[in-house]
């Protein structure tokens, strides 16, 4: 288990927001390793092409991560890393949700300001 969830999230976001950086993509794919070929939320996340799918599969990948960590023995030397990874990925999930909400606000504001322009200039229609 590594930071597969974060690497897959970055790949999904690269696709959604149009970042074309082959070196960065290769770096993230290397981080994911064989998990990119294993059916599940991480594979689905890195193949996501909409923000809705990115959020959905990131959440699913976190549920899988929590399950894996819960099955890990408390005495496992990797447990501090896993616990830190859980906190980090949860924080990222909250940040992602906030960004999505901000984009929805922007989307609604664009409609509102568009209508306002037509209130100021009622006779003007789009060319």
C-alpha atoms as a PDB file:
ATOM      1  CA  UNK A   1       0.000   0.000   0.000  1.00  0.00           C
ATOM      2  CA  UNK A   2       1.382   3.388  -0.972  1.00  0.00           C
ATOM      3  CA  UNK A   3      -0.142   6.743  -1.792  1.00  0.00           C
ATOM      4  CA  UNK A   4      -2.095   5.183  -4.662  1.00  0.00           C
ATOM      5  CA  UNK A   5      -5.192   7.200  -3.837  1.00  0.00           C
ATOM      6  CA  UNK A   6      -3.398  10.542  -4.142  1.00  0.00           C
ATOM      7  CA  UNK A   7      -1.573   9.579  -7.333  1.00  0.00           C
ATOM      8  CA  UNK A   8      -4.802   8.346  -8.918  1.00  0.00           C
ATOM      9  CA  UNK A   9      -6.571  11.536  -7.830  1.00  0.00           C
ATOM     10  CA  UNK A  10      -3.881  13.621  -9.500  1.00  0.00           C
ATOM     11  CA  UNK A  11      -4.242  11.604 -12.706  1.00  0.00           C
ATOM     12  CA  UNK A  12      -8.016  11.975 -12.659  1.00  0.00           C
ATOM     13  CA  UNK A  13      -7.719  15.721 -12.070  1.00  0.00           C
ATOM     14  CA  UNK A  14      -5.131  16.026 -14.839  1.00  0.00           C
ATOM     15  CA  UNK A  15      -7.682  14.550 -17.227  1.00  0.00           C
ATOM     16  CA  UNK A  16     -10.583  16.671 -15.987  1.00  0.00           C
ATOM     17  CA  UNK A  17      -8.774  20.017 -15.995  1.00  0.00           C
ATOM     18  CA  UNK A  18      -6.737  19.340 -19.117  1.00  0.00           C
ATOM     19  CA  UNK A  19      -3.189  19.099 -17.831  1.00  0.00           C
ATOM     20  CA  UNK A  20      -1.035  17.395 -20.440  1.00  0.00           C
ATOM     21  CA  UNK A  21       2.258  16.636 -18.741  1.00  0.00           C
ATOM     22  CA  UNK A  22       3.631  13.256 -19.825  1.00  0.00           C
ATOM     23  CA  UNK A  23       6.463  13.322 -17.271  1.00  0.00           C
ATOM     24  CA  UNK A  24       4.081  14.007 -14.393  1.00  0.00           C
ATOM     25  CA  UNK A  25       1.652  11.388 -15.661  1.00  0.00           C
ATOM     26  CA  UNK A  26       4.430   8.797 -15.823  1.00  0.00           C
ATOM     27  CA  UNK A  27       5.560   9.748 -12.315  1.00  0.00           C
ATOM     28  CA  UNK A  28       2.061   9.184 -10.912  1.00  0.00           C
ATOM     29  CA  UNK A  29       1.602   5.926 -12.815  1.00  0.00           C
ATOM     30  CA  UNK A  30       4.890   4.713 -11.364  1.00  0.00           C
ATOM     31  CA  UNK A  31       3.622   5.601  -7.874  1.00  0.00           C
ATOM     32  CA  UNK A  32       0.471   3.557  -8.484  1.00  0.00           C
ATOM     33  CA  UNK A  33       2.384   0.576  -9.848  1.00  0.00           C
ATOM     34  CA  UNK A  34       0.347  -2.576 -10.421  1.00  0.00           C
ATOM     35  CA  UNK A  35      -2.741  -1.063  -8.784  1.00  0.00           C
ATOM     36  CA  UNK A  36      -3.446   0.676 -12.092  1.00  0.00           C
ATOM     37  CA  UNK A  37      -4.267  -2.715 -13.603  1.00  0.00           C
ATOM     38  CA  UNK A  38      -6.341  -4.002 -10.692  1.00  0.00           C
ATOM     39  CA  UNK A  39     -10.097  -3.438 -10.994  1.00  0.00           C
ATOM     40  CA  UNK A  40     -11.376  -1.141  -8.269  1.00  0.00           C
ATOM     41  CA  UNK A  41     -11.709   2.484  -7.277  1.00  0.00           C
ATOM     42  CA  UNK A  42      -8.044   3.425  -7.785  1.00  0.00           C
ATOM     43  CA  UNK A  43      -8.084   2.165 -11.379  1.00  0.00           C
ATOM     44  CA  UNK A  44     -11.459   3.841 -11.964  1.00  0.00           C
ATOM     45  CA  UNK A  45     -10.205   7.072 -10.423  1.00  0.00           C
ATOM     46  CA  UNK A  46      -7.183   7.361 -12.643  1.00  0.00           C
ATOM     47  CA  UNK A  47      -9.428   6.756 -15.677  1.00  0.00           C
ATOM     48  CA  UNK A  48     -12.044   9.335 -14.608  1.00  0.00           C
ATOM     49  CA  UNK A  49     -12.922  12.050 -17.074  1.00  0.00           C
ATOM     50  CA  UNK A  50     -15.459  14.089 -15.099  1.00  0.00           C
ATOM     51  CA  UNK A  51     -15.243  15.847 -11.772  1.00  0.00           C
ATOM     52  CA  UNK A  52     -18.224  13.853 -10.532  1.00  0.00           C
ATOM     53  CA  UNK A  53     -16.430  10.569 -11.254  1.00  0.00           C
ATOM     54  CA  UNK A  54     -13.199  11.840  -9.700  1.00  0.00           C
ATOM     55  CA  UNK A  55     -14.988  12.656  -6.457  1.00  0.00           C
ATOM     56  CA  UNK A  56     -16.985   9.422  -6.451  1.00  0.00           C
ATOM     57  CA  UNK A  57     -14.028   7.127  -7.069  1.00  0.00           C
ATOM     58  CA  UNK A  58     -11.737   9.040  -4.728  1.00  0.00           C
ATOM     59  CA  UNK A  59     -14.296   8.489  -1.961  1.00  0.00           C
ATOM     60  CA  UNK A  60     -14.504   4.801  -2.870  1.00  0.00           C
ATOM     61  CA  UNK A  61     -10.718   4.495  -2.844  1.00  0.00           C
ATOM     62  CA  UNK A  62     -10.658   5.999   0.660  1.00  0.00           C
ATOM     63  CA  UNK A  63     -13.214   3.461   1.855  1.00  0.00           C
ATOM     64  CA  UNK A  64     -10.962   0.696   0.514  1.00  0.00           C
ATOM     65  CA  UNK A  65      -7.944   2.286   2.179  1.00  0.00           C
ATOM     66  CA  UNK A  66      -9.762   2.484   5.531  1.00  0.00           C
ATOM     67  CA  UNK A  67     -10.719  -1.166   5.238  1.00  0.00           C
ATOM     68  CA  UNK A  68      -7.126  -2.205   4.479  1.00  0.00           C
ATOM     69  CA  UNK A  69      -5.806  -0.182   7.411  1.00  0.00           C
ATOM     70  CA  UNK A  70      -8.430  -1.626   9.763  1.00  0.00           C
ATOM     71  CA  UNK A  71      -7.210  -5.117   8.865  1.00  0.00           C
ATOM     72  CA  UNK A  72      -3.592  -4.211   9.576  1.00  0.00           C
ATOM     73  CA  UNK A  73      -2.226  -5.351  12.920  1.00  0.00           C
ATOM     74  CA  UNK A  74      -1.710  -2.460  15.346  1.00  0.00           C
ATOM     75  CA  UNK A  75       1.864  -3.679  15.866  1.00  0.00           C
ATOM     76  CA  UNK A  76       2.673  -3.523  12.145  1.00  0.00           C
ATOM     77  CA  UNK A  77       5.668  -1.164  11.733  1.00  0.00           C
ATOM     78  CA  UNK A  78       3.857   0.556   8.853  1.00  0.00           C
ATOM     79  CA  UNK A  79       0.839   1.501  10.973  1.00  0.00           C
ATOM     80  CA  UNK A  80       2.013   5.087  11.737  1.00  0.00           C
ATOM     81  CA  UNK A  81       2.399   5.649   7.981  1.00  0.00           C
ATOM     82  CA  UNK A  82      -1.045   4.189   7.277  1.00  0.00           C
ATOM     83  CA  UNK A  83      -2.674   6.335   9.943  1.00  0.00           C
ATOM     84  CA  UNK A  84      -0.984   9.435   8.571  1.00  0.00           C
ATOM     85  CA  UNK A  85      -2.107   8.446   5.071  1.00  0.00           C
ATOM     86  CA  UNK A  86      -5.706   8.172   6.324  1.00  0.00           C
ATOM     87  CA  UNK A  87      -5.578  11.674   7.804  1.00  0.00           C
ATOM     88  CA  UNK A  88      -3.955  13.110   4.686  1.00  0.00           C
ATOM     89  CA  UNK A  89      -6.386  11.507   2.255  1.00  0.00           C
ATOM     90  CA  UNK A  90      -9.368  12.612   4.361  1.00  0.00           C
ATOM     91  CA  UNK A  91      -8.101  16.201   4.318  1.00  0.00           C
ATOM     92  CA  UNK A  92      -7.673  16.019   0.559  1.00  0.00           C
ATOM     93  CA  UNK A  93     -11.234  14.698   0.247  1.00  0.00           C
ATOM     94  CA  UNK A  94     -12.502  17.719   2.185  1.00  0.00           C
ATOM     95  CA  UNK A  95     -10.473  20.090   0.006  1.00  0.00           C
ATOM     96  CA  UNK A  96     -11.764  18.435  -3.155  1.00  0.00           C
ATOM     97  CA  UNK A  97     -15.351  18.790  -1.944  1.00  0.00           C
ATOM     98  CA  UNK A  98     -14.741  22.475  -1.189  1.00  0.00           C
ATOM     99  CA  UNK A  99     -13.308  23.060  -4.672  1.00  0.00           C
ATOM    100  CA  UNK A 100     -16.291  21.343  -6.290  1.00  0.00           C
ATOM    101  CA  UNK A 101     -18.670  23.505  -4.235  1.00  0.00           C
ATOM    102  CA  UNK A 102     -16.733  26.623  -5.273  1.00  0.00           C
ATOM    103  CA  UNK A 103     -17.044  25.634  -8.929  1.00  0.00           C
ATOM    104  CA  UNK A 104     -20.795  25.185  -8.483  1.00  0.00           C
ATOM    105  CA  UNK A 105     -21.006  28.663  -6.961  1.00  0.00           C
ATOM    106  CA  UNK A 106     -19.071  30.064  -9.916  1.00  0.00           C
ATOM    107  CA  UNK A 107     -21.377  28.243 -12.319  1.00  0.00           C
ATOM    108  CA  UNK A 108     -24.474  29.707 -10.644  1.00  0.00           C
ATOM    109  CA  UNK A 109     -22.905  33.175 -10.394  1.00  0.00           C
ATOM    110  CA  UNK A 110     -22.234  33.175 -14.133  1.00  0.00           C
ATOM    111  CA  UNK A 111     -25.917  32.599 -14.818  1.00  0.00           C
ATOM    112  CA  UNK A 112     -26.946  35.268 -12.332  1.00  0.00           C
ATOM    113  CA  UNK A 113     -24.576  37.892 -13.731  1.00  0.00           C
ATOM    114  CA  UNK A 114     -25.649  37.014 -17.274  1.00  0.00           C
ATOM    115  CA  UNK A 115     -29.277  37.675 -16.341  1.00  0.00           C
ATOM    116  CA  UNK A 116     -28.239  40.881 -14.619  1.00  0.00           C
ATOM    117  CA  UNK A 117     -26.564  42.154 -17.783  1.00  0.00           C
ATOM    118  CA  UNK A 118     -29.838  41.560 -19.641  1.00  0.00           C
ATOM    119  CA  UNK A 119     -31.703  43.486 -16.928  1.00  0.00           C
ATOM    120  CA  UNK A 120     -29.380  46.448 -17.472  1.00  0.00           C
ATOM    121  CA  UNK A 121     -29.656  46.141 -21.258  1.00  0.00           C
ATOM    122  CA  UNK A 122     -33.104  44.595 -21.799  1.00  0.00           C
ATOM    123  CA  UNK A 123     -33.140  45.060 -25.551  1.00  0.00           C
ATOM    124  CA  UNK A 124     -29.738  43.542 -26.140  1.00  0.00           C
ATOM    125  CA  UNK A 125     -29.699  39.919 -27.196  1.00  0.00           C
ATOM    126  CA  UNK A 126     -26.689  37.829 -28.018  1.00  0.00           C
ATOM    127  CA  UNK A 127     -25.384  38.231 -31.551  1.00  0.00           C
END
